[in-house]
C-alpha atoms as a PDB file:
ATOM      1  CA  MET A   1     -20.959  18.674  11.618  1.00  0.00           C
ATOM      2  CA  SER A   2     -23.305  16.339   9.744  1.00  0.00           C
ATOM      3  CA  GLY A   3     -25.455  16.415   6.657  1.00  0.00           C
ATOM      4  CA  GLN A   4     -24.746  16.613   2.954  1.00  0.00           C
ATOM      5  CA  ASP A   5     -25.056  19.616   0.670  1.00  0.00           C
ATOM      6  CA  SER A   6     -27.490  18.870  -2.138  1.00  0.00           C
ATOM      7  CA  ASP A   7     -25.255  20.333  -4.873  1.00  0.00           C
ATOM      8  CA  LYS A   8     -22.224  18.210  -3.990  1.00  0.00           C
ATOM      9  CA  PRO A   9     -21.771  15.040  -6.052  1.00  0.00           C
ATOM     10  CA  SER A  10     -21.572  11.931  -3.904  1.00  0.00           C
ATOM     11  CA  GLU A  11     -18.166  10.267  -3.934  1.00  0.00           C
ATOM     12  CA  GLU A  12     -17.882   7.326  -1.606  1.00  0.00           C
ATOM     13  CA  THR A  13     -15.186   4.693  -1.407  1.00  0.00           C
ATOM     14  CA  ASP A  14     -16.463   1.246  -2.365  1.00  0.00           C
ATOM     15  CA  MET A  15     -14.289  -0.991  -0.228  1.00  0.00           C
ATOM     16  CA  SER A  16     -15.523  -4.063  -2.111  1.00  0.00           C
ATOM     17  CA  THR A  17     -13.184  -3.041  -4.914  1.00  0.00           C
ATOM     18  CA  HIS A  18      -9.584  -1.841  -4.824  1.00  0.00           C
ATOM     19  CA  PRO A  19      -9.675   1.729  -3.420  1.00  0.00           C
ATOM     20  CA  PHE A  20      -6.894   2.812  -5.797  1.00  0.00           C
ATOM     21  CA  ASP A  21      -8.377   1.408  -9.000  1.00  0.00           C
ATOM     22  CA  LEU A  22      -8.605   4.254 -11.532  1.00  0.00           C
ATOM     23  CA  THR A  23     -10.219   2.293 -14.339  1.00  0.00           C
ATOM     24  CA  GLY A  24     -12.535   4.566 -16.309  1.00  0.00           C
ATOM     25  CA  LYS A  25     -10.794   7.742 -15.142  1.00  0.00           C
ATOM     26  CA  VAL A  26      -8.949  10.217 -17.366  1.00  0.00           C
ATOM     27  CA  ALA A  27      -5.979  12.256 -16.128  1.00  0.00           C
ATOM     28  CA  LEU A  28      -4.257  15.218 -17.763  1.00  0.00           C
ATOM     29  CA  VAL A  29      -0.607  15.814 -16.856  1.00  0.00           C
ATOM     30  CA  THR A  30       1.084  18.928 -18.222  1.00  0.00           C
ATOM     31  CA  GLY A  31       4.827  18.577 -18.566  1.00  0.00           C
ATOM     32  CA  GLY A  32       4.097  14.863 -18.388  1.00  0.00           C
ATOM     33  CA  ASN A  33       6.712  13.739 -20.879  1.00  0.00           C
ATOM     34  CA  GLY A  34       9.575  13.602 -18.394  1.00  0.00           C
ATOM     35  CA  GLY A  35      10.702  13.918 -14.784  1.00  0.00           C
ATOM     36  CA  ILE A  36       8.055  14.344 -12.107  1.00  0.00           C
ATOM     37  CA  GLY A  37       5.250  14.600 -14.658  1.00  0.00           C
ATOM     38  CA  LEU A  38       6.114  11.300 -16.303  1.00  0.00           C
ATOM     39  CA  GLY A  39       6.354   9.652 -12.885  1.00  0.00           C
ATOM     40  CA  ILE A  40       2.861  10.936 -12.068  1.00  0.00           C
ATOM     41  CA  ALA A  41       1.484   9.817 -15.443  1.00  0.00           C
ATOM     42  CA  GLU A  42       3.005   6.360 -15.201  1.00  0.00           C
ATOM     43  CA  GLY A  43       1.586   5.802 -11.726  1.00  0.00           C
ATOM     44  CA  LEU A  44      -1.873   6.817 -12.900  1.00  0.00           C
ATOM     45  CA  ALA A  45      -1.700   4.653 -16.028  1.00  0.00           C
ATOM     46  CA  ALA A  46      -0.560   1.652 -13.993  1.00  0.00           C
ATOM     47  CA  ALA A  47      -3.618   2.172 -11.758  1.00  0.00           C
ATOM     48  CA  GLY A  48      -5.919   2.063 -14.785  1.00  0.00           C
ATOM     49  CA  ALA A  49      -6.386   5.681 -15.874  1.00  0.00           C
ATOM     50  CA  ASP A  50      -6.275   6.903 -19.464  1.00  0.00           C
ATOM     51  CA  ILE A  51      -3.699   9.675 -19.812  1.00  0.00           C
ATOM     52  CA  ALA A  52      -3.314  12.975 -21.649  1.00  0.00           C
ATOM     53  CA  ILE A  53       0.204  14.383 -21.857  1.00  0.00           C
ATOM     54  CA  TRP A  54       0.850  18.022 -22.741  1.00  0.00           C
ATOM     55  CA  GLY A  55       4.400  19.070 -23.546  1.00  0.00           C
ATOM     56  CA  THR A  56       6.394  21.308 -25.860  1.00  0.00           C
ATOM     57  CA  ASN A  57       8.710  18.618 -27.291  1.00  0.00           C
ATOM     58  CA  ALA A  58       7.166  16.281 -29.866  1.00  0.00           C
ATOM     59  CA  ASP A  59       9.874  13.615 -29.539  1.00  0.00           C
ATOM     60  CA  LYS A  60       9.544  13.483 -25.756  1.00  0.00           C
ATOM     61  CA  ASN A  61       5.757  13.351 -26.049  1.00  0.00           C
ATOM     62  CA  ALA A  62       6.025  10.390 -28.415  1.00  0.00           C
ATOM     63  CA  ALA A  63       8.486   8.559 -26.157  1.00  0.00           C
ATOM     64  CA  ALA A  64       6.249   9.137 -23.127  1.00  0.00           C
ATOM     65  CA  ALA A  65       3.196   7.903 -25.038  1.00  0.00           C
ATOM     66  CA  ASP A  66       5.020   4.726 -26.027  1.00  0.00           C
ATOM     67  CA  ARG A  67       6.078   4.102 -22.429  1.00  0.00           C
ATOM     68  CA  LEU A  68       2.649   4.791 -20.959  1.00  0.00           C
ATOM     69  CA  GLY A  69       0.901   2.763 -23.623  1.00  0.00           C
ATOM     70  CA  ARG A  70       2.560  -0.377 -22.282  1.00  0.00           C
ATOM     71  CA  HIS A  71       0.108  -0.244 -19.396  1.00  0.00           C
ATOM     72  CA  GLY A  72      -2.704  -0.890 -21.855  1.00  0.00           C
ATOM     73  CA  ARG A  73      -4.345   2.504 -21.395  1.00  0.00           C
ATOM     74  CA  LYS A  74      -5.331   5.165 -23.928  1.00  0.00           C
ATOM     75  CA  VAL A  75      -2.724   7.906 -24.239  1.00  0.00           C
ATOM     76  CA  HIS A  76      -3.275  11.254 -25.939  1.00  0.00           C
ATOM     77  CA  THR A  77      -0.545  13.851 -26.441  1.00  0.00           C
ATOM     78  CA  GLU A  78      -0.655  17.531 -27.254  1.00  0.00           C
ATOM     79  CA  LEU A  79       2.038  20.031 -28.162  1.00  0.00           C
ATOM     80  CA  CYS A  80       1.030  22.858 -25.862  1.00  0.00           C
ATOM     81  CA  ASP A  81       2.723  25.914 -24.398  1.00  0.00           C
ATOM     82  CA  VAL A  82       0.767  26.346 -21.164  1.00  0.00           C
ATOM     83  CA  GLY A  83       1.705  30.020 -21.000  1.00  0.00           C
ATOM     84  CA  ASP A  84      -0.446  30.618 -24.101  1.00  0.00           C
ATOM     85  CA  GLU A  85      -4.093  31.007 -23.064  1.00  0.00           C
ATOM     86  CA  GLN A  86      -5.554  30.165 -26.471  1.00  0.00           C
ATOM     87  CA  ALA A  87      -3.257  27.160 -26.886  1.00  0.00           C
ATOM     88  CA  VAL A  88      -4.398  25.765 -23.521  1.00  0.00           C
ATOM     89  CA  ASP A  89      -8.099  26.118 -24.314  1.00  0.00           C
ATOM     90  CA  ALA A  90      -7.614  24.510 -27.741  1.00  0.00           C
ATOM     91  CA  ALA A  91      -5.557  21.643 -26.284  1.00  0.00           C
ATOM     92  CA  MET A  92      -8.230  21.023 -23.648  1.00  0.00           C
ATOM     93  CA  ALA A  93     -10.937  20.820 -26.316  1.00  0.00           C
ATOM     94  CA  ARG A  94      -8.897  18.338 -28.370  1.00  0.00           C
ATOM     95  CA  THR A  95      -8.066  16.296 -25.268  1.00  0.00           C
ATOM     96  CA  VAL A  96     -11.701  15.973 -24.254  1.00  0.00           C
ATOM     97  CA  ALA A  97     -12.642  15.081 -27.841  1.00  0.00           C
ATOM     98  CA  ALA A  98     -10.030  12.304 -27.797  1.00  0.00           C
ATOM     99  CA  LEU A  99     -10.591  10.884 -24.295  1.00  0.00           C
ATOM    100  CA  GLY A 100     -14.152  11.933 -23.494  1.00  0.00           C
ATOM    101  CA  ARG A 101     -13.633  13.701 -20.157  1.00  0.00           C
ATOM    102  CA  ILE A 102     -11.152  14.956 -17.541  1.00  0.00           C
ATOM    103  CA  ASP A 103     -11.269  13.511 -14.018  1.00  0.00           C
ATOM    104  CA  GLY A 104      -7.872  14.690 -12.812  1.00  0.00           C
ATOM    105  CA  CYS A 105      -5.686  17.611 -13.857  1.00  0.00           C
ATOM    106  CA  PHE A 106      -2.049  17.718 -12.756  1.00  0.00           C
ATOM    107  CA  ALA A 107      -0.655  21.163 -13.604  1.00  0.00           C
ATOM    108  CA  ASN A 108       2.980  20.133 -13.533  1.00  0.00           C
ATOM    109  CA  ALA A 109       4.599  22.054 -16.413  1.00  0.00           C
ATOM    110  CA  GLY A 110       7.155  24.567 -15.242  1.00  0.00           C
ATOM    111  CA  VAL A 111      10.539  26.189 -15.713  1.00  0.00           C
ATOM    112  CA  GLY A 112      13.418  26.719 -13.313  1.00  0.00           C
ATOM    113  CA  SER A 113      14.714  30.024 -12.081  1.00  0.00           C
ATOM    114  CA  GLY A 114      16.768  30.540 -15.240  1.00  0.00           C
ATOM    115  CA  SER A 115      19.111  32.797 -13.310  1.00  0.00           C
ATOM    116  CA  LYS A 116      21.351  32.652 -10.278  1.00  0.00           C
ATOM    117  CA  ALA A 117      21.791  36.406 -10.171  1.00  0.00           C
ATOM    118  CA  PRO A 118      21.311  38.286  -6.901  1.00  0.00           C
ATOM    119  CA  PHE A 119      17.749  39.532  -6.426  1.00  0.00           C
ATOM    120  CA  ASP A 120      18.706  43.123  -7.219  1.00  0.00           C
ATOM    121  CA  GLN A 121      20.074  41.978 -10.589  1.00  0.00           C
ATOM    122  CA  ILE A 122      17.256  39.673 -11.735  1.00  0.00           C
ATOM    123  CA  ALA A 123      16.152  40.900 -15.139  1.00  0.00           C
ATOM    124  CA  THR A 124      12.517  41.824 -15.661  1.00  0.00           C
ATOM    125  CA  GLU A 125      12.275  39.460 -18.638  1.00  0.00           C
ATOM    126  CA  VAL A 126      13.460  36.566 -16.450  1.00  0.00           C
ATOM    127  CA  TRP A 127      10.815  37.411 -13.845  1.00  0.00           C
ATOM    128  CA  ARG A 128       8.081  37.569 -16.477  1.00  0.00           C
ATOM    129  CA  ARG A 129       9.166  34.378 -18.254  1.00  0.00           C
ATOM    130  CA  THR A 130       9.066  32.449 -14.977  1.00  0.00           C
ATOM    131  CA  LEU A 131       5.608  33.758 -14.053  1.00  0.00           C
ATOM    132  CA  ARG A 132       4.309  33.152 -17.580  1.00  0.00           C
ATOM    133  CA  VAL A 133       4.911  29.405 -17.409  1.00  0.00           C
ATOM    134  CA  ASN A 134       4.780  28.572 -13.712  1.00  0.00           C
ATOM    135  CA  LEU A 135       1.863  30.741 -12.607  1.00  0.00           C
ATOM    136  CA  ASP A 136      -0.016  31.884 -15.714  1.00  0.00           C
ATOM    137  CA  GLY A 137       0.352  28.390 -17.179  1.00  0.00           C
ATOM    138  CA  ALA A 138      -1.062  26.763 -14.063  1.00  0.00           C
ATOM    139  CA  PHE A 139      -3.938  29.265 -14.021  1.00  0.00           C
ATOM    140  CA  PHE A 140      -4.869  28.710 -17.680  1.00  0.00           C
ATOM    141  CA  THR A 141      -4.644  24.924 -17.313  1.00  0.00           C
ATOM    142  CA  LEU A 142      -6.626  24.703 -14.084  1.00  0.00           C
ATOM    143  CA  ARG A 143      -9.274  27.133 -15.296  1.00  0.00           C
ATOM    144  CA  ALA A 144      -9.856  25.030 -18.416  1.00  0.00           C
ATOM    145  CA  ALA A 145      -9.984  21.870 -16.293  1.00  0.00           C
ATOM    146  CA  VAL A 146     -12.483  23.350 -13.826  1.00  0.00           C
ATOM    147  CA  ARG A 147     -14.744  24.432 -16.675  1.00  0.00           C
ATOM    148  CA  GLN A 148     -14.692  20.894 -18.067  1.00  0.00           C
ATOM    149  CA  MET A 149     -15.301  19.298 -14.664  1.00  0.00           C
ATOM    150  CA  LEU A 150     -18.239  21.614 -13.975  1.00  0.00           C
ATOM    151  CA  ALA A 151     -19.715  20.715 -17.356  1.00  0.00           C
ATOM    152  CA  GLN A 152     -19.370  17.015 -16.510  1.00  0.00           C
ATOM    153  CA  GLY A 153     -21.057  17.595 -13.169  1.00  0.00           C
ATOM    154  CA  ASP A 154     -19.443  14.793 -11.171  1.00  0.00           C
ATOM    155  CA  GLY A 155     -16.415  16.412  -9.563  1.00  0.00           C
ATOM    156  CA  GLY A 156     -12.734  15.852 -10.116  1.00  0.00           C
ATOM    157  CA  VAL A 157      -9.238  16.418  -8.782  1.00  0.00           C
ATOM    158  CA  LEU A 158      -6.867  19.343  -9.352  1.00  0.00           C
ATOM    159  CA  CYS A 159      -3.202  19.213  -8.405  1.00  0.00           C
ATOM    160  CA  SER A 160      -0.306  21.579  -9.037  1.00  0.00           C
ATOM    161  CA  THR A 161       3.396  20.913  -8.704  1.00  0.00           C
ATOM    162  CA  ALA A 162       4.834  23.635  -6.483  1.00  0.00           C
ATOM    163  CA  SER A 163       8.219  23.377  -4.706  1.00  0.00           C
ATOM    164  CA  VAL A 164       9.778  23.435  -1.271  1.00  0.00           C
ATOM    165  CA  ALA A 165      11.258  26.753  -2.469  1.00  0.00           C
ATOM    166  CA  ALA A 166       7.825  28.204  -1.664  1.00  0.00           C
ATOM    167  CA  ILE A 167       8.139  27.438   2.042  1.00  0.00           C
ATOM    168  CA  GLU A 168      11.884  27.925   2.563  1.00  0.00           C
ATOM    169  CA  GLY A 169      14.160  30.859   1.915  1.00  0.00           C
ATOM    170  CA  ALA A 170      15.229  30.652  -1.744  1.00  0.00           C
ATOM    171  CA  PRO A 171      18.067  33.145  -2.278  1.00  0.00           C
ATOM    172  CA  ARG A 172      18.721  34.083  -5.906  1.00  0.00           C
ATOM    173  CA  ALA A 173      15.517  32.284  -6.869  1.00  0.00           C
ATOM    174  CA  GLU A 174      12.893  34.594  -5.397  1.00  0.00           C
ATOM    175  CA  HIS A 175      11.089  34.823  -8.738  1.00  0.00           C
ATOM    176  CA  TYR A 176      10.800  31.027  -8.953  1.00  0.00           C
ATOM    177  CA  ALA A 177       9.730  30.745  -5.303  1.00  0.00           C
ATOM    178  CA  ALA A 178       7.102  33.458  -5.801  1.00  0.00           C
ATOM    179  CA  THR A 179       5.441  31.468  -8.587  1.00  0.00           C
ATOM    180  CA  LYS A 180       5.341  28.339  -6.465  1.00  0.00           C
ATOM    181  CA  GLY A 181       3.964  30.171  -3.449  1.00  0.00           C
ATOM    182  CA  GLY A 182       1.290  31.621  -5.703  1.00  0.00           C
ATOM    183  CA  VAL A 183       0.355  28.147  -6.916  1.00  0.00           C
ATOM    184  CA  ILE A 184      -0.135  26.908  -3.351  1.00  0.00           C
ATOM    185  CA  SER A 185      -2.421  29.829  -2.526  1.00  0.00           C
ATOM    186  CA  MET A 186      -4.419  29.272  -5.710  1.00  0.00           C
ATOM    187  CA  MET A 187      -4.947  25.590  -4.921  1.00  0.00           C
ATOM    188  CA  ARG A 188      -6.193  26.376  -1.417  1.00  0.00           C
ATOM    189  CA  GLY A 189      -8.700  28.811  -2.850  1.00  0.00           C
ATOM    190  CA  LEU A 190      -9.872  26.256  -5.406  1.00  0.00           C
ATOM    191  CA  ALA A 191     -10.289  23.646  -2.670  1.00  0.00           C
ATOM    192  CA  VAL A 192     -12.694  25.904  -0.795  1.00  0.00           C
ATOM    193  CA  GLU A 193     -14.535  27.360  -3.784  1.00  0.00           C
ATOM    194  CA  TYR A 194     -15.313  24.083  -5.534  1.00  0.00           C
ATOM    195  CA  ALA A 195     -15.650  21.610  -2.656  1.00  0.00           C
ATOM    196  CA  ARG A 196     -19.447  21.642  -2.951  1.00  0.00           C
ATOM    197  CA  MET A 197     -19.106  20.611  -6.590  1.00  0.00           C
ATOM    198  CA  GLY A 198     -17.019  17.598  -5.612  1.00  0.00           C
ATOM    199  CA  ILE A 199     -13.789  19.097  -6.969  1.00  0.00           C
ATOM    200  CA  ARG A 200     -10.770  18.626  -4.707  1.00  0.00           C
ATOM    201  CA  ALA A 201      -7.484  20.552  -5.006  1.00  0.00           C
ATOM    202  CA  HIS A 202      -3.957  20.010  -3.705  1.00  0.00           C
ATOM    203  CA  SER A 203      -0.328  21.031  -4.174  1.00  0.00           C
ATOM    204  CA  ILE A 204       2.728  18.789  -4.345  1.00  0.00           C
ATOM    205  CA  LEU A 205       6.018  20.294  -3.126  1.00  0.00           C
ATOM    206  CA  PRO A 206       9.058  18.404  -4.439  1.00  0.00           C
ATOM    207  CA  GLY A 207      12.499  18.717  -2.926  1.00  0.00           C
ATOM    208  CA  TRP A 208      15.682  17.854  -4.829  1.00  0.00           C
ATOM    209  CA  ILE A 209      14.553  15.630  -7.689  1.00  0.00           C
ATOM    210  CA  LYS A 210      16.521  14.231 -10.634  1.00  0.00           C
ATOM    211  CA  THR A 211      15.031  16.050 -13.614  1.00  0.00           C
ATOM    212  CA  GLU A 212      16.286  18.061 -16.578  1.00  0.00           C
ATOM    213  CA  MET A 213      15.675  21.199 -14.511  1.00  0.00           C
ATOM    214  CA  THR A 214      18.247  20.102 -11.919  1.00  0.00           C
ATOM    215  CA  SER A 215      20.775  18.594 -14.361  1.00  0.00           C
ATOM    216  CA  ALA A 216      23.390  21.288 -13.704  1.00  0.00           C
ATOM    217  CA  ALA A 217      23.177  20.762  -9.942  1.00  0.00           C
ATOM    218  CA  GLN A 218      23.408  17.000 -10.398  1.00  0.00           C
ATOM    219  CA  GLY A 219      26.678  17.488 -12.272  1.00  0.00           C
ATOM    220  CA  ASN A 220      28.207  19.592  -9.497  1.00  0.00           C
ATOM    221  CA  ASP A 221      30.112  17.319  -7.096  1.00  0.00           C
ATOM    222  CA  ALA A 222      30.037  19.834  -4.247  1.00  0.00           C
ATOM    223  CA  PHE A 223      26.306  20.315  -4.643  1.00  0.00           C
ATOM    224  CA  GLN A 224      25.752  16.570  -4.826  1.00  0.00           C
ATOM    225  CA  GLU A 225      27.541  16.187  -1.504  1.00  0.00           C
ATOM    226  CA  MET A 226      25.456  18.970   0.025  1.00  0.00           C
ATOM    227  CA  VAL A 227      22.195  17.322  -1.079  1.00  0.00           C
ATOM    228  CA  HIS A 228      23.215  13.955   0.325  1.00  0.00           C
ATOM    229  CA  LYS A 229      24.146  15.536   3.653  1.00  0.00           C
ATOM    230  CA  ARG A 230      20.892  17.532   3.886  1.00  0.00           C
ATOM    231  CA  VAL A 231      18.479  14.820   2.743  1.00  0.00           C
ATOM    232  CA  PRO A 232      17.889  12.255   5.514  1.00  0.00           C
ATOM    233  CA  MET A 233      17.111   9.568   2.928  1.00  0.00           C
ATOM    234  CA  ARG A 234      20.550  10.246   1.415  1.00  0.00           C
ATOM    235  CA  ARG A 235      19.469  10.329  -2.200  1.00  0.00           C
ATOM    236  CA  TRP A 236      17.890  12.525  -4.848  1.00  0.00           C
ATOM    237  CA  GLY A 237      14.230  11.970  -5.568  1.00  0.00           C
ATOM    238  CA  GLU A 238      13.052  10.306  -8.785  1.00  0.00           C
ATOM    239  CA  GLY A 239       9.990  10.890 -10.933  1.00  0.00           C
ATOM    240  CA  SER A 240       8.648   7.541  -9.780  1.00  0.00           C
ATOM    241  CA  ASP A 241       8.520   8.859  -6.201  1.00  0.00           C
ATOM    242  CA  PHE A 242       5.433  10.865  -7.214  1.00  0.00           C
ATOM    243  CA  ALA A 243       3.387   7.997  -8.621  1.00  0.00           C
ATOM    244  CA  GLY A 244       1.830   6.950  -5.321  1.00  0.00           C
ATOM    245  CA  ILE A 245       0.621  10.370  -4.227  1.00  0.00           C
ATOM    246  CA  ALA A 246      -0.922  10.981  -7.654  1.00  0.00           C
ATOM    247  CA  VAL A 247      -2.864   7.717  -7.511  1.00  0.00           C
ATOM    248  CA  TYR A 248      -4.066   8.461  -3.986  1.00  0.00           C
ATOM    249  CA  LEU A 249      -5.265  11.932  -4.933  1.00  0.00           C
ATOM    250  CA  MET A 250      -7.243  10.678  -7.927  1.00  0.00           C
ATOM    251  CA  SER A 251      -8.730   7.707  -6.105  1.00  0.00           C
ATOM    252  CA  PRO A 252     -11.908   7.398  -4.030  1.00  0.00           C
ATOM    253  CA  ALA A 253      -9.621   6.791  -1.047  1.00  0.00           C
ATOM    254  CA  SER A 254      -9.068  10.571  -0.823  1.00  0.00           C
ATOM    255  CA  ALA A 255     -12.721  11.538  -1.282  1.00  0.00           C
ATOM    256  CA  TYR A 256     -12.789  13.641   1.931  1.00  0.00           C
ATOM    257  CA  HIS A 257      -9.299  15.108   1.559  1.00  0.00           C
ATOM    258  CA  THR A 258      -8.771  18.509  -0.040  1.00  0.00           C
ATOM    259  CA  GLY A 259      -6.671  21.662   0.183  1.00  0.00           C
ATOM    260  CA  ASP A 260      -3.472  19.941   1.270  1.00  0.00           C
ATOM    261  CA  THR A 261       0.216  20.549   0.496  1.00  0.00           C
ATOM    262  CA  PHE A 262       2.245  17.360   0.154  1.00  0.00           C
ATOM    263  CA  VAL A 263       5.974  17.788   0.756  1.00  0.00           C
ATOM    264  CA  ILE A 264       7.896  15.022  -1.005  1.00  0.00           C
ATOM    265  CA  ASP A 265      11.543  15.691  -0.331  1.00  0.00           C
ATOM    266  CA  GLY A 266      13.084  12.711   1.485  1.00  0.00           C
ATOM    267  CA  GLY A 267      12.979  14.704   4.730  1.00  0.00           C
ATOM    268  CA  TYR A 268      15.002  17.657   3.369  1.00  0.00           C
ATOM    269  CA  THR A 269      12.855  20.379   4.914  1.00  0.00           C
ATOM    270  CA  LEU A 270      12.893  18.670   8.309  1.00  0.00           C
ATOM    271  CA  PHE A 271      16.655  18.591   8.687  1.00  0.00           C
END
């Protein structure tokens, strides 16, 4: 198939410059004050992007801003509960006022399963809390980002942090897995709906990563041994392992790449 749709912004890779140079770009990372989100934000800042961090902990936001600022980029932080629709829209308005635009939105904020109860004993409030942050929060964030990108008129990149739990059996975590499966489906729909507007969309599926969410598992010797046996790379993932994929997705190098699911798990799901 050839030809170019007239309503699609042109985005071509200029190979005379570094294809992963993000100078002049602005990226929003929710939950970007630690773990995977901070790894994403640091990779983007190192590549030249200005960064907005949304989180619910002021001290962690400040520490992340100090760390990211060492790359010489602008950093803006917001205290924002992504499960609150009005809070998300207000935070987006303040972010755009501070940084001028949004070129990439990484909907990374999320909560763990919060329960290891059998499925038949999962409390309704646990189910709803998990959906509120992981699925509603991603929806509110991405919707606000799409509106801003459409207003700008020159495309952008959307990315959500899902989980390998969405593609494997996740006993006693069906509520968590359901939110992550929902995120993947949403991103695929966005990739198709907004491709003509130059907006690309992807999901990242982490495996076992060292974050606050997995701190209990990290402290369990038996579980540690299980992870090392199941992960071909024989280690837990780190936040920094997500820097490269984030830079690629925001760069002109991925201009013709959309709707993908990137499994970053050290080979866990293959073995």
